[in-house]
């Protein structure tokens, strides 16, 4: 309850009133989202939505309410061109037999993308310090 009128003065008389209010949204809330399959519009597979409801309760206990949807966005990610990630890991077999190390260098043309946009990357595998062969390299989204 945001505001209750003082009972000793009785109910609020007829007229126009503005009752301002504000609230802090927690910093760790996930962004609003609705995900559904293209071929099924009946029920979303996942949904995160937020709303605020304003409600007036009259002296005869009848209610009038208004519900406003809120759309939350995640904080923006700083745009970077030619992002680069390097990682080097030790390779062992049978939990203890050292086979050297393999390094991976992944470079993307940028780090912020929109739907229907080409995401270009280069992957360099450095396996010259390893005694084991690489069977495959795979990519996942």
Protein backbone atom coordinates (compact mmCIF):
# COMPACT_ATOMS: atom_id res chain seq x y z
CA UNK A 1 0.00 0.00 0.00
CA UNK A 2 1.51 3.28 -1.12
CA UNK A 3 -0.82 5.79 0.52
CA UNK A 4 -3.72 5.50 2.98
CA UNK A 5 -5.79 8.52 3.88
CA UNK A 6 -6.05 9.48 7.54
CA UNK A 7 -9.25 7.86 8.94
CA UNK A 8 -9.94 10.79 11.30
CA UNK A 9 -10.57 13.03 8.27
CA UNK A 10 -12.80 10.50 6.51
CA UNK A 11 -12.58 9.45 2.86
CA UNK A 12 -11.01 11.67 0.23
CA UNK A 13 -13.63 14.18 -1.02
CA UNK A 14 -14.50 14.42 -4.74
CA UNK A 15 -11.89 16.24 -6.82
CA UNK A 16 -8.72 15.76 -8.87
CA UNK A 17 -5.63 14.46 -7.12
CA UNK A 18 -2.10 13.51 -8.06
CA UNK A 19 -0.22 11.12 -5.82
CA UNK A 20 3.40 10.82 -6.94
CA UNK A 21 5.41 7.72 -6.10
CA UNK A 22 8.70 6.14 -7.08
CA UNK A 23 10.60 2.99 -6.35
CA UNK A 24 14.05 1.60 -6.98
CA UNK A 25 14.35 -1.43 -9.23
CA UNK A 26 16.89 -3.98 -7.99
CA UNK A 27 20.09 -3.87 -10.04
CA UNK A 28 20.14 -7.63 -10.66
CA UNK A 29 16.73 -8.02 -12.37
CA UNK A 30 16.87 -9.89 -15.68
CA UNK A 31 15.69 -8.08 -18.80
CA UNK A 32 12.13 -8.44 -20.07
CA UNK A 33 11.79 -11.23 -22.64
CA UNK A 34 9.17 -13.29 -24.42
CA UNK A 35 10.38 -16.27 -26.41
CA UNK A 36 8.04 -18.43 -28.45
CA UNK A 37 8.37 -20.81 -31.34
CA UNK A 38 7.58 -19.37 -34.76
CA UNK A 39 4.99 -22.07 -35.46
CA UNK A 40 3.20 -21.87 -32.08
CA UNK A 41 1.72 -18.51 -31.05
CA UNK A 42 -0.50 -19.89 -28.29
CA UNK A 43 1.88 -20.17 -25.35
CA UNK A 44 5.38 -18.69 -24.98
CA UNK A 45 8.21 -21.04 -24.06
CA UNK A 46 9.76 -18.43 -21.77
CA UNK A 47 8.56 -15.08 -20.47
CA UNK A 48 9.90 -12.49 -18.06
CA UNK A 49 7.65 -9.47 -17.66
CA UNK A 50 7.14 -6.74 -15.12
CA UNK A 51 4.20 -4.50 -14.32
CA UNK A 52 3.03 -1.91 -11.81
CA UNK A 53 -0.60 -1.79 -10.69
CA UNK A 54 -2.32 1.33 -9.34
CA UNK A 55 -5.45 0.54 -7.34
CA UNK A 56 -8.09 2.78 -5.74
CA UNK A 57 -10.32 1.28 -3.06
CA UNK A 58 -13.51 3.26 -2.52
CA UNK A 59 -15.27 3.64 0.83
CA UNK A 60 -17.82 1.00 -0.31
CA UNK A 61 -14.89 -1.44 -0.98
CA UNK A 62 -15.26 -1.29 -4.80
CA UNK A 63 -11.96 -1.11 -6.66
CA UNK A 64 -10.64 0.67 -9.70
CA UNK A 65 -7.25 -0.38 -10.99
CA UNK A 66 -4.81 0.24 -13.82
CA UNK A 67 -1.92 -2.05 -14.74
CA UNK A 68 1.10 -0.71 -16.64
CA UNK A 69 3.64 -3.04 -18.23
CA UNK A 70 7.30 -2.14 -17.70
CA UNK A 71 10.02 -3.15 -20.15
CA UNK A 72 13.42 -3.66 -18.55
CA UNK A 73 16.59 -3.58 -20.61
CA UNK A 74 19.92 -4.98 -19.56
CA UNK A 75 22.74 -2.47 -19.17
CA UNK A 76 24.40 -1.79 -22.52
CA UNK A 77 27.56 -3.63 -23.45
CA UNK A 78 30.42 -1.40 -24.52
CA UNK A 79 30.98 -1.78 -28.27
CA UNK A 80 34.39 -3.16 -29.21
CA UNK A 81 35.81 -3.92 -32.62
CA UNK A 82 38.17 -6.83 -33.28
CA UNK A 83 37.69 -8.48 -29.90
CA UNK A 84 40.27 -11.11 -29.11
CA UNK A 85 40.30 -13.99 -26.61
CA UNK A 86 43.33 -16.16 -25.96
CA UNK A 87 43.43 -19.27 -23.84
CA UNK A 88 46.11 -21.87 -23.27
CA UNK A 89 45.34 -25.16 -21.50
CA UNK A 90 47.39 -28.12 -20.41
CA UNK A 91 46.40 -31.42 -21.97
CA UNK A 92 46.51 -34.63 -19.94
CA UNK A 93 45.31 -38.16 -20.65
CA UNK A 94 44.27 -40.71 -18.06
CA UNK A 95 44.07 -37.85 -15.54
CA UNK A 96 47.83 -37.59 -15.02
CA UNK A 97 49.88 -38.12 -18.19
CA UNK A 98 51.06 -34.70 -19.44
CA UNK A 99 50.74 -34.27 -23.20
CA UNK A 100 51.78 -30.58 -23.39
CA UNK A 101 49.47 -27.64 -24.07
CA UNK A 102 47.15 -26.27 -26.73
CA UNK A 103 46.37 -22.60 -27.28
CA UNK A 104 43.25 -21.11 -28.81
CA UNK A 105 42.98 -17.57 -30.16
CA UNK A 106 39.49 -16.39 -31.16
CA UNK A 107 38.95 -13.04 -32.85
CA UNK A 108 35.52 -11.56 -33.65
CA UNK A 109 34.98 -8.53 -35.88
CA UNK A 110 33.00 -6.94 -33.00
CA UNK A 111 31.22 -7.91 -29.77
CA UNK A 112 27.68 -6.47 -30.23
CA UNK A 113 25.35 -8.02 -32.81
CA UNK A 114 21.72 -7.79 -33.90
CA UNK A 115 19.46 -10.52 -35.24
CA UNK A 116 19.95 -11.38 -38.92
CA UNK A 117 23.51 -10.01 -38.84
CA UNK A 118 26.64 -11.93 -39.85
CA UNK A 119 28.94 -12.72 -36.95
CA UNK A 120 32.45 -13.11 -38.40
CA UNK A 121 35.23 -14.78 -36.44
CA UNK A 122 38.68 -16.28 -36.89
CA UNK A 123 39.83 -19.17 -34.74
CA UNK A 124 43.53 -20.01 -34.54
CA UNK A 125 44.57 -23.26 -32.90
CA UNK A 126 48.18 -23.56 -31.76
CA UNK A 127 48.90 -27.22 -31.08
CA UNK A 128 52.68 -27.24 -31.61
CA UNK A 129 53.40 -27.77 -27.86
CA UNK A 130 51.08 -30.77 -27.63
CA UNK A 131 51.84 -34.43 -28.27
CA UNK A 132 48.17 -35.26 -29.00
CA UNK A 133 46.38 -34.74 -32.29
CA UNK A 134 43.23 -32.61 -32.54
CA UNK A 135 40.26 -34.63 -33.76
CA UNK A 136 37.85 -31.75 -34.39
CA UNK A 137 37.05 -28.10 -33.80
CA UNK A 138 33.40 -27.22 -33.18
CA UNK A 139 31.41 -24.00 -32.76
CA UNK A 140 28.20 -23.51 -30.78
CA UNK A 141 25.75 -20.67 -30.36
